[in-house]
Amino acid sequence: MRPLWTLAFAAVSGLGLSEAQAQAQDTAPLHPATYVHAGWAKTTGGQGGRIIRVTTLAAEGPGSLAAALEARGPRIVVFEVGGVIDLGGKSLKLREGQVTIAGQTAPDPGITLVKGELEVFAQDVILQHLSIRPGAYGRAKRSGNDHDGFSTGDGAARIIVDHCSFSWATDENLSVGGRRFEGATPDDWRAHTSHAITYSHNLIYEGLNEAVHVKGEHSKGSLIHDNATQILLLGNVYASNRERNALFKGGAWGAMVNNLIYNPGWRAVHYNLIAHEWVGRPYQTGRITLAGNVYRAGPNTERHLPLFTLGGVGDVQLFEQDNLAQDRQGQPLPMTGRYTSGPAQIIPAREAYLPAGLTWLAPRELERLLPLYVGSRPWARDPLDFKQLSDIAEDRGTLIDDETQNNPGGLPKRPPTQRAFVEADWNLADMSPKAGWQSLFTQVSK
């Protein structure tokens, strides 16, 4: 089925235009404004606000990304620098909403955050075309100070994270969080924790397995915390995360549509309401829709691992349709299973829990299309992302403990670049280039 969120399926080889990109000239742009009506996160971010220019790769201070995040009022954050922002083990915290962070405006090689994370405690936020790679950066195993790549916290709502790349987190790569039991009733809980979140067309891979997390093993894709609602995971690629691809915890309501999950270890998608975390509170039934997804086992995947597994003590309503699950030889794998002996049940849902009007592509189209446009800046593909997409295509994925494993260079080191932001070149309403997204591919090919 053709989805309402149809985007430009423009390919890039890292060297220039490809045949697939040339065939995509007349398709819609790579931007959430194209399909925002199809998600619960109905926001325009900082549209209509002032332009704030990031002019330095310093972690803080005048002209930094941190300063732009701390500013108040509607704003569009653009970049006049490209390269790596070293957070030095700290977290960037966004508490002031009504903001669009337009990584597509940076000169090549774009913006990569390392040695830290980005946390959002705000409303009405759009983030595009950034890479976040926390890394272990030489610290001792189980030494603590673990980092997500990106996460939401208390009260975050109407958030879109689109076309970004996340890897080498020491907690989750990309998650939804917040205080899960704030207030007197389940409706209060849902209102106070994160809700109306869309994570779309991101590349989410290689959460670090045995690194600095005090619990030890922690190669995780996405955690959707208890009671989070209206969570849409749309057209993402999850690769070589041991589990949480994604994990929906107790009472969470969300949908995964047209995602590719490759080489999970112990779990692909799973749901778990954990009894000792809910003591004295009435269990809430989860609601999950899985539609048009592809799950492909890889070298580290447990034998016979289902697409969806249930643990814990809470029931979940599951709508499952048009998904593919296969082993490394292309043979079918189970759609559902369980991994604990508790009383929880999978309740087949008659109707999908989806934003109004959202449909999906046929799953057999995904491995052809998703690698062409997921992740940050596909018109100038980061070499780390390019390698990962190649590994997925060739079934060479692996779980890793450290960013230097299979990558001797470790965290990226990119030469800094500068280019003035020219307002006349951009549609400020949605931060798309006036010359069309295909013009960015053309520029790289020259």
Protein backbone atom coordinates (compact mmCIF):
# COMPACT_ATOMS: atom_id res chain seq x y z
CA MET A 1 0.00 0.00 0.00
CA ARG A 2 1.17 3.52 -0.73
CA PRO A 3 1.54 5.46 2.51
CA LEU A 4 0.34 9.00 3.15
CA TRP A 5 3.87 9.77 4.34
CA THR A 6 5.48 9.03 0.95
CA LEU A 7 8.87 10.69 0.76
CA ALA A 8 11.64 11.09 -1.78
CA PHE A 9 13.37 7.75 -2.20
CA ALA A 10 16.62 9.40 -3.22
CA ALA A 11 19.73 7.24 -3.14
CA VAL A 12 23.28 8.30 -2.51
CA SER A 13 26.47 6.29 -2.79
CA GLY A 14 28.68 8.79 -1.00
CA LEU A 15 30.24 9.65 -4.35
CA GLY A 16 27.37 11.30 -6.13
CA LEU A 17 24.08 10.71 -7.90
CA SER A 18 22.79 7.23 -8.44
CA GLU A 19 20.23 5.85 -10.86
CA ALA A 20 17.71 5.52 -8.06
CA GLN A 21 18.11 9.19 -7.14
CA ALA A 22 17.68 10.24 -10.72
CA GLN A 23 14.38 8.34 -10.80
CA ALA A 24 13.16 10.21 -7.71
CA GLN A 25 13.26 13.76 -9.03
CA ASP A 26 9.51 14.26 -8.97
CA THR A 27 8.72 12.69 -5.60
CA ALA A 28 7.91 14.51 -2.36
CA PRO A 29 10.61 15.98 -0.12
CA LEU A 30 12.46 14.38 2.77
CA HIS A 31 10.79 16.41 5.47
CA PRO A 32 8.30 15.80 8.28
CA ALA A 33 5.99 18.50 6.92
CA THR A 34 5.20 16.02 4.15
CA TYR A 35 3.65 13.52 6.52
CA VAL A 36 3.13 15.36 9.79
CA HIS A 37 -0.62 14.89 9.34
CA ALA A 38 0.02 11.15 9.50
CA GLY A 39 1.45 11.19 13.02
CA TRP A 40 0.20 12.13 16.46
CA ALA A 41 2.99 14.71 16.84
CA LYS A 42 1.18 17.51 15.04
CA THR A 43 3.72 20.29 15.34
CA THR A 44 5.47 22.87 13.23
CA GLY A 45 8.33 23.24 15.72
CA GLY A 46 9.83 26.72 15.59
CA GLN A 47 8.07 27.79 12.39
CA GLY A 48 7.71 31.57 12.22
CA GLY A 49 10.30 32.18 14.92
CA ARG A 50 13.64 33.93 14.79
CA ILE A 51 16.68 32.33 13.17
CA ILE A 52 19.52 31.38 15.52
CA ARG A 53 22.83 30.59 13.85
CA VAL A 54 25.24 28.03 15.33
CA THR A 55 28.70 29.38 14.52
CA THR A 56 31.00 27.27 16.69
CA LEU A 57 31.61 23.59 17.43
CA ALA A 58 32.31 24.41 21.07
CA ALA A 59 30.14 22.47 23.53
CA GLU A 60 28.83 25.67 25.10
CA GLY A 61 29.12 29.45 25.01
CA PRO A 62 28.11 32.11 22.48
CA GLY A 63 27.23 30.73 19.06
CA SER A 64 27.03 27.12 20.30
CA LEU A 65 24.25 24.60 19.86
CA ALA A 66 23.84 24.59 23.64
CA ALA A 67 23.17 28.34 23.62
CA ALA A 68 20.61 27.92 20.82
CA LEU A 69 18.80 25.25 22.82
CA GLU A 70 18.74 27.48 25.91
CA ALA A 71 17.20 30.42 24.05
CA ARG A 72 13.52 31.13 24.58
CA GLY A 73 10.66 31.61 22.19
CA PRO A 74 9.92 30.19 18.72
CA ARG A 75 13.17 29.70 16.83
CA ILE A 76 14.81 27.91 13.94
CA VAL A 77 18.33 26.70 14.66
CA VAL A 78 20.60 26.66 11.60
CA PHE A 79 24.27 25.80 11.28
CA GLU A 80 27.10 27.80 9.76
CA VAL A 81 29.63 25.17 10.85
CA GLY A 82 30.09 21.48 10.18
CA GLY A 83 32.04 18.91 12.16
CA VAL A 84 32.04 17.27 15.58
CA ILE A 85 30.71 18.73 18.83
CA ASP A 86 32.45 17.01 21.78
CA LEU A 87 30.11 17.16 24.79
CA GLY A 88 32.81 15.95 27.17
CA GLY A 89 30.56 13.50 29.01
CA LYS A 90 27.72 15.98 29.54
CA SER A 91 24.09 16.10 28.47
CA LEU A 92 22.52 18.79 26.33
CA LYS A 93 19.11 19.51 27.84
CA LEU A 94 16.38 21.18 25.81
CA ARG A 95 13.75 22.74 28.09
CA GLU A 96 12.46 25.54 25.84
CA GLY A 97 10.17 24.31 23.06
CA GLN A 98 8.84 25.71 19.81
CA VAL A 99 12.10 24.97 18.05
CA THR A 100 13.25 23.44 14.77
CA ILE A 101 16.84 22.17 14.71
CA ALA A 102 17.73 21.99 11.04
CA GLY A 103 20.88 19.91 10.64
CA GLN A 104 20.35 19.93 6.88
CA THR A 105 21.62 23.53 6.82
CA ALA A 106 25.13 22.62 8.01
CA PRO A 107 27.97 22.44 5.50
CA ASP A 108 29.36 18.98 4.92
CA PRO A 109 30.19 16.88 6.90
CA GLY A 110 27.17 17.99 8.91
CA ILE A 111 26.92 17.94 12.70
CA THR A 112 27.86 14.98 14.90
CA LEU A 113 27.57 15.00 18.70
CA VAL A 114 29.94 12.70 20.61
CA LYS A 115 30.64 11.85 24.28
CA GLY A 116 27.21 12.87 25.50
CA GLU A 117 23.50 12.93 24.80
CA LEU A 118 20.56 15.17 23.93
CA GLU A 119 17.56 15.19 26.29
CA VAL A 120 14.27 16.96 25.57
CA PHE A 121 11.91 18.20 28.29
CA ALA A 122 9.91 20.51 26.04
CA GLN A 123 7.00 20.65 23.63
CA ASP A 124 6.84 21.29 19.90
CA VAL A 125 10.30 20.25 18.74
CA ILE A 126 11.54 19.12 15.32
CA LEU A 127 15.06 17.69 15.01
CA GLN A 128 16.51 16.71 11.64
CA HIS A 129 19.74 15.52 10.06
CA LEU A 130 22.04 15.24 13.08
CA SER A 131 24.22 12.31 14.13
CA ILE A 132 24.64 11.43 17.81
CA ARG A 133 27.34 8.90 18.75
CA PRO A 134 27.99 8.90 22.53
CA GLY A 135 30.65 6.14 22.67
CA ALA A 136 32.54 4.60 25.56
CA TYR A 137 35.58 6.81 24.77
CA GLY A 138 38.09 4.75 26.70
CA ARG A 139 36.27 4.50 30.03
CA ALA A 140 36.37 1.36 32.16
CA LYS A 141 33.61 -1.22 31.84
CA ARG A 142 30.68 -0.68 34.24
CA SER A 143 32.14 2.64 35.37
CA GLY A 144 28.83 4.50 35.01
CA ASN A 145 27.87 7.84 33.43
CA ASP A 146 26.11 6.06 30.60
CA HIS A 147 24.47 8.05 27.82
CA ASP A 148 21.42 7.66 25.66
CA GLY A 149 21.76 9.14 22.22
CA PHE A 150 18.47 11.04 22.34
CA SER A 151 15.66 10.79 24.87
CA THR A 152 12.57 12.63 26.00
CA GLY A 153 11.67 13.39 29.61
CA ASP A 154 8.88 14.71 31.78
CA GLY A 155 6.15 16.47 29.84
CA ALA A 156 7.79 16.20 26.41
CA ALA A 157 5.11 16.29 23.73
CA ARG A 158 4.71 16.85 20.01
CA ILE A 159 8.30 15.87 19.19
CA ILE A 160 9.52 14.81 15.74
CA VAL A 161 12.99 13.31 15.32
CA ASP A 162 13.46 12.71 11.62
CA HIS A 163 16.35 11.57 9.43
CA CYS A 164 18.96 11.36 12.16
CA SER A 165 21.63 8.75 12.93
CA PHE A 166 22.17 7.21 16.36
CA SER A 167 24.89 4.73 17.28
CA TRP A 168 27.21 3.64 20.09
CA ALA A 169 25.01 4.74 22.97
CA THR A 170 25.80 3.18 26.35
CA ASP A 171 22.12 3.20 27.33
CA GLU A 172 19.41 3.39 24.64
CA ASN A 173 20.21 4.91 21.27
CA LEU A 174 16.82 6.65 20.89
CA SER A 175 14.16 6.57 23.61
CA VAL A 176 10.98 7.94 25.11
CA GLY A 177 10.97 8.54 28.87
CA GLY A 178 9.70 10.64 31.75
CA ARG A 179 8.15 10.14 35.17
CA ARG A 180 5.64 7.38 34.56
CA PHE A 181 3.36 7.64 37.62
CA GLU A 182 2.93 11.40 38.11
CA GLY A 183 -0.59 12.18 39.32
CA ALA A 184 -3.47 10.27 40.83
CA THR A 185 -4.93 8.42 37.84
CA PRO A 186 -3.70 6.58 34.75
CA ASP A 187 -4.90 9.51 32.64
CA ASP A 188 -2.69 11.78 34.74
CA TRP A 189 0.24 9.43 34.23
CA ARG A 190 -0.17 9.57 30.46
CA ALA A 191 -0.50 13.35 30.44
CA HIS A 192 2.61 13.96 32.51
CA THR A 193 5.01 11.59 30.78
CA SER A 194 6.13 11.86 27.14
CA HIS A 195 3.40 11.66 24.53
CA ALA A 196 2.74 12.45 20.87
CA ILE A 197 6.26 11.50 19.70
CA THR A 198 7.27 10.57 16.14
CA TYR A 199 10.65 8.99 15.41
CA SER A 200 10.87 8.66 11.63
CA HIS A 201 13.46 7.58 9.08
CA ASN A 202 16.30 7.30 11.55
CA LEU A 203 19.26 4.90 11.50
CA ILE A 204 19.62 3.31 14.95
CA TYR A 205 22.46 0.86 15.39
CA GLU A 206 25.20 -0.79 17.44
CA GLY A 207 24.24 0.14 20.98
CA LEU A 208 27.35 -0.77 22.98
CA ASN A 209 26.99 -4.15 24.64
CA GLU A 210 29.52 -4.49 27.48
CA ALA A 211 30.63 -0.92 28.03
CA VAL A 212 30.21 1.56 30.89
CA HIS A 213 26.65 0.84 32.04
CA VAL A 214 26.71 -0.33 35.66
CA LYS A 215 24.29 -3.17 34.80
CA GLY A 216 26.70 -4.58 32.28
CA GLU A 217 25.17 -5.66 28.97
CA HIS A 218 23.31 -2.70 27.51
CA SER A 219 23.11 -2.82 23.75
CA LYS A 220 19.68 -1.22 23.33
CA GLY A 221 17.74 0.34 20.48
CA SER A 222 14.68 2.19 21.84
CA LEU A 223 12.88 2.08 25.18
CA ILE A 224 9.30 3.38 25.22
CA HIS A 225 8.72 3.88 28.92
CA ASP A 226 5.65 2.99 30.98
CA ASN A 227 2.46 4.89 30.12
CA ALA A 228 3.93 6.81 27.18
CA THR A 229 1.23 7.20 24.53
CA GLN A 230 0.83 8.20 20.88
CA ILE A 231 4.33 6.98 20.04
CA LEU A 232 4.96 6.40 16.33
CA LEU A 233 8.11 4.66 15.08
CA LEU A 234 7.93 5.13 11.32
CA GLY A 235 10.33 3.95 8.64
CA ASN A 236 13.40 3.52 10.87
CA VAL A 237 16.24 1.01 10.56
CA TYR A 238 17.31 -0.82 13.75
CA ALA A 239 20.52 -2.80 13.35
CA SER A 240 22.70 -4.85 15.72
CA ASN A 241 21.15 -3.79 19.00
CA ARG A 242 20.90 -6.76 21.36
CA GLU A 243 17.34 -5.87 22.37
CA ARG A 244 14.73 -3.08 22.61
CA ASN A 245 14.06 -2.83 18.90
CA ALA A 246 11.81 -1.44 20.43
CA LEU A 247 10.76 -2.27 24.02
CA PHE A 248 7.34 -0.96 25.08
CA LYS A 249 6.95 -1.03 28.86
CA GLY A 250 3.80 -1.31 30.95
CA GLY A 251 0.80 0.62 29.72
CA ALA A 252 2.63 2.11 26.73
CA TRP A 253 0.63 2.78 23.57
CA GLY A 254 2.46 2.98 20.28
CA ALA A 255 2.84 1.84 16.69
CA MET A 256 5.74 0.57 14.61
CA VAL A 257 5.13 1.02 10.90
CA ASN A 258 7.50 0.13 8.04
CA ASN A 259 10.62 -0.35 10.16
CA LEU A 260 13.50 -2.69 9.29
CA ILE A 261 14.93 -4.63 12.24
CA TYR A 262 18.18 -6.43 11.49
CA ASN A 263 20.38 -8.65 13.67
CA PRO A 264 18.75 -8.25 17.07
CA GLY A 265 20.30 -10.46 19.73
CA TRP A 266 17.88 -11.58 22.44
CA ARG A 267 14.81 -9.55 21.45
CA ALA A 268 13.38 -7.79 18.43
CA VAL A 269 10.17 -5.97 19.51
CA HIS A 270 8.97 -6.72 23.05
CA TYR A 271 6.52 -5.62 25.75
CA ASN A 272 6.96 -5.95 29.50
CA LEU A 273 5.06 -4.64 32.51
CA ILE A 274 7.42 -5.38 35.40
CA ALA A 275 5.53 -6.24 38.58
CA HIS A 276 7.92 -4.80 41.18
CA GLU A 277 7.92 -1.44 39.36
CA TRP A 278 4.11 -1.21 39.62
CA VAL A 279 3.56 -2.14 43.27
CA GLY A 280 0.33 -0.60 44.59
CA ARG A 281 -0.80 0.61 41.15
CA PRO A 282 -3.42 -0.91 38.84
CA TYR A 283 -1.85 -2.57 35.83
CA GLN A 284 -2.60 -0.84 32.54
CA THR A 285 -3.05 -2.72 29.28
CA GLY A 286 -0.55 -1.87 26.57
CA ARG A 287 -1.60 -1.14 23.00
CA ILE A 288 0.82 -1.90 20.17
CA THR A 289 0.41 -1.94 16.41
CA LEU A 290 3.00 -3.64 14.21
CA ALA A 291 2.30 -3.04 10.53
CA GLY A 292 4.42 -3.46 7.43
CA ASN A 293 7.69 -4.12 9.28
CA VAL A 294 10.55 -6.41 8.27
CA TYR A 295 12.61 -8.36 10.81
CA ARG A 296 15.66 -10.20 9.51
CA ALA A 297 17.86 -12.33 11.76
CA GLY A 298 21.60 -11.79 11.65
CA PRO A 299 24.80 -13.38 12.97
CA ASN A 300 24.00 -12.57 16.62
CA THR A 301 20.28 -13.38 16.64
CA GLU A 302 18.98 -16.15 18.91
CA ARG A 303 17.57 -19.09 16.97
CA HIS A 304 13.83 -18.98 16.31
CA LEU A 305 13.48 -15.50 17.83
CA PRO A 306 10.00 -14.10 17.08
CA LEU A 307 9.29 -10.62 15.80
CA PHE A 308 7.31 -9.79 18.97
CA THR A 309 7.77 -11.28 22.42
CA LEU A 310 5.83 -10.74 25.64
CA GLY A 311 7.29 -10.69 29.14
CA GLY A 312 6.15 -9.58 32.55
CA VAL A 313 2.72 -9.56 34.14
CA GLY A 314 0.65 -7.07 32.12
CA ASP A 315 -1.56 -7.78 29.12
CA VAL A 316 -1.03 -6.13 25.77
CA GLN A 317 -3.44 -5.56 22.92
CA LEU A 318 -1.54 -6.35 19.72
CA PHE A 319 -2.57 -5.53 16.16
CA GLU A 320 -0.20 -7.26 13.75
CA GLN A 321 -0.51 -7.12 9.97
CA ASP A 322 1.70 -7.34 6.87
CA ASN A 323 4.95 -8.00 8.73
CA LEU A 324 7.81 -10.19 7.51
CA ALA A 325 10.10 -12.18 9.81
CA GLN A 326 12.84 -14.40 8.42
CA ASP A 327 16.04 -16.14 9.40
CA ARG A 328 19.39 -15.83 7.63
CA GLN A 329 18.34 -18.36 5.00
CA GLY A 330 15.09 -16.54 4.24
CA GLN A 331 12.89 -19.00 6.10
CA PRO A 332 9.96 -17.65 8.14
CA LEU A 333 10.31 -16.98 11.85
CA PRO A 334 7.46 -16.80 14.39
CA MET A 335 5.52 -13.57 14.68
CA THR A 336 4.88 -13.80 18.42
CA GLY A 337 6.23 -15.55 21.50
CA ARG A 338 6.96 -14.97 25.18
CA TYR A 339 10.02 -14.97 27.40
CA THR A 340 8.62 -15.11 30.94
CA SER A 341 6.12 -17.46 32.58
CA GLY A 342 3.90 -14.74 34.07
CA PRO A 343 0.16 -14.41 33.56
CA ALA A 344 0.34 -11.72 30.87
CA GLN A 345 -1.56 -12.35 27.66
CA ILE A 346 -1.34 -11.11 24.10
CA ILE A 347 -4.86 -9.92 23.26
CA PRO A 348 -5.42 -9.76 19.48
CA ALA A 349 -6.72 -6.29 18.63
CA ARG A 350 -9.46 -5.91 16.04
CA GLU A 351 -8.44 -2.39 15.12
CA ALA A 352 -5.01 -0.83 14.68
CA TYR A 353 -3.80 1.82 17.09
CA LEU A 354 -2.61 4.31 14.48
CA PRO A 355 -2.84 8.00 13.70
CA ALA A 356 -5.87 8.68 11.51
CA GLY A 357 -5.24 7.96 7.85
CA LEU A 358 -1.82 6.35 8.17
CA THR A 359 -1.21 3.41 5.85
CA TRP A 360 1.99 1.59 4.99
CA LEU A 361 4.19 0.32 2.21
CA ALA A 362 4.29 -3.37 1.36
CA PRO A 363 7.09 -4.79 3.55
CA ARG A 364 8.96 -6.33 0.63
CA GLU A 365 9.67 -2.79 -0.56
CA LEU A 366 11.53 -1.81 2.59
CA GLU A 367 14.97 -3.29 2.02
CA ARG A 368 15.02 -1.65 -1.39
CA LEU A 369 13.87 1.77 -0.23
CA LEU A 370 14.82 2.41 3.38
CA PRO A 371 18.63 2.29 2.88
CA LEU A 372 18.28 5.00 0.25
CA TYR A 373 17.05 7.70 2.58
CA VAL A 374 17.15 6.77 6.30
CA GLY A 375 19.63 8.47 8.59
CA SER A 376 21.31 11.84 8.57
CA ARG A 377 22.07 13.65 5.32
CA PRO A 378 21.69 10.83 2.79
CA TRP A 379 22.86 13.18 0.04
CA ALA A 380 26.34 13.16 1.68
CA ARG A 381 26.31 9.88 3.55
CA ASP A 382 28.48 9.71 6.65
CA PRO A 383 31.06 6.90 6.08
CA LEU A 384 30.00 5.19 9.33
CA ASP A 385 26.38 5.09 8.20
CA PHE A 386 27.44 3.97 4.73
CA LYS A 387 29.36 1.04 6.23
CA GLN A 388 26.45 0.10 8.44
CA LEU A 389 24.00 0.05 5.55
CA SER A 390 26.45 -2.09 3.59
CA ASP A 391 26.80 -4.49 6.52
CA ILE A 392 23.01 -4.82 6.71
CA ALA A 393 22.77 -5.53 2.99
CA GLU A 394 25.54 -8.16 3.16
CA ASP A 395 24.44 -9.73 6.49
CA ARG A 396 27.69 -8.74 8.18
CA GLY A 397 26.19 -7.14 11.30
CA THR A 398 27.69 -7.72 14.72
CA LEU A 399 27.10 -6.69 18.32
CA ILE A 400 29.96 -4.59 19.65
CA ASP A 401 31.25 -3.53 23.08
CA ASP A 402 33.25 -0.49 22.04
CA GLU A 403 33.17 1.99 19.17
CA THR A 404 36.70 0.96 18.19
CA GLN A 405 35.56 -2.60 17.49
CA ASN A 406 35.50 -3.07 13.71
CA ASN A 407 36.26 0.66 13.51
CA PRO A 408 39.84 1.41 14.59
CA GLY A 409 39.27 5.14 14.27
CA GLY A 410 36.71 5.14 17.08
CA LEU A 411 34.56 8.23 17.43
CA PRO A 412 34.49 10.32 14.26
CA LYS A 413 37.03 13.06 13.71
CA ARG A 414 35.82 15.40 11.00
CA PRO A 415 37.66 18.52 9.84
CA PRO A 416 35.60 21.60 10.77
CA THR A 417 34.00 23.52 7.96
CA GLN A 418 32.20 26.83 7.62
CA ARG A 419 29.54 28.20 5.30
CA ALA A 420 27.21 31.11 5.80
CA PHE A 421 23.52 30.29 6.06
CA VAL A 422 21.68 31.99 3.19
CA GLU A 423 18.10 32.51 4.25
CA ALA A 424 16.91 33.07 0.68
CA ASP A 425 17.89 29.49 -0.24
CA TRP A 426 15.48 27.86 2.24
CA ASN A 427 11.74 27.56 2.73
CA LEU A 428 11.54 28.73 6.33
CA ALA A 429 8.09 27.21 6.78
CA ASP A 430 9.50 23.68 6.69
CA MET A 431 13.28 24.14 6.26
CA SER A 432 13.41 22.46 2.89
CA PRO A 433 15.78 23.82 0.22
CA LYS A 434 13.98 26.02 -2.30
CA ALA A 435 15.82 24.25 -5.11
CA GLY A 436 14.38 20.92 -3.92
CA TRP A 437 15.99 18.15 -1.90
CA GLN A 438 17.42 16.67 -5.08
CA SER A 439 19.60 19.76 -5.40
CA LEU A 440 21.59 18.64 -2.36
CA PHE A 441 22.48 15.39 -4.10
CA THR A 442 23.46 17.34 -7.19
CA GLN A 443 25.79 19.57 -5.18
CA VAL A 444 27.62 16.55 -3.74
CA SER A 445 28.04 15.01 -7.18
CA LYS A 446 29.92 17.98 -8.58
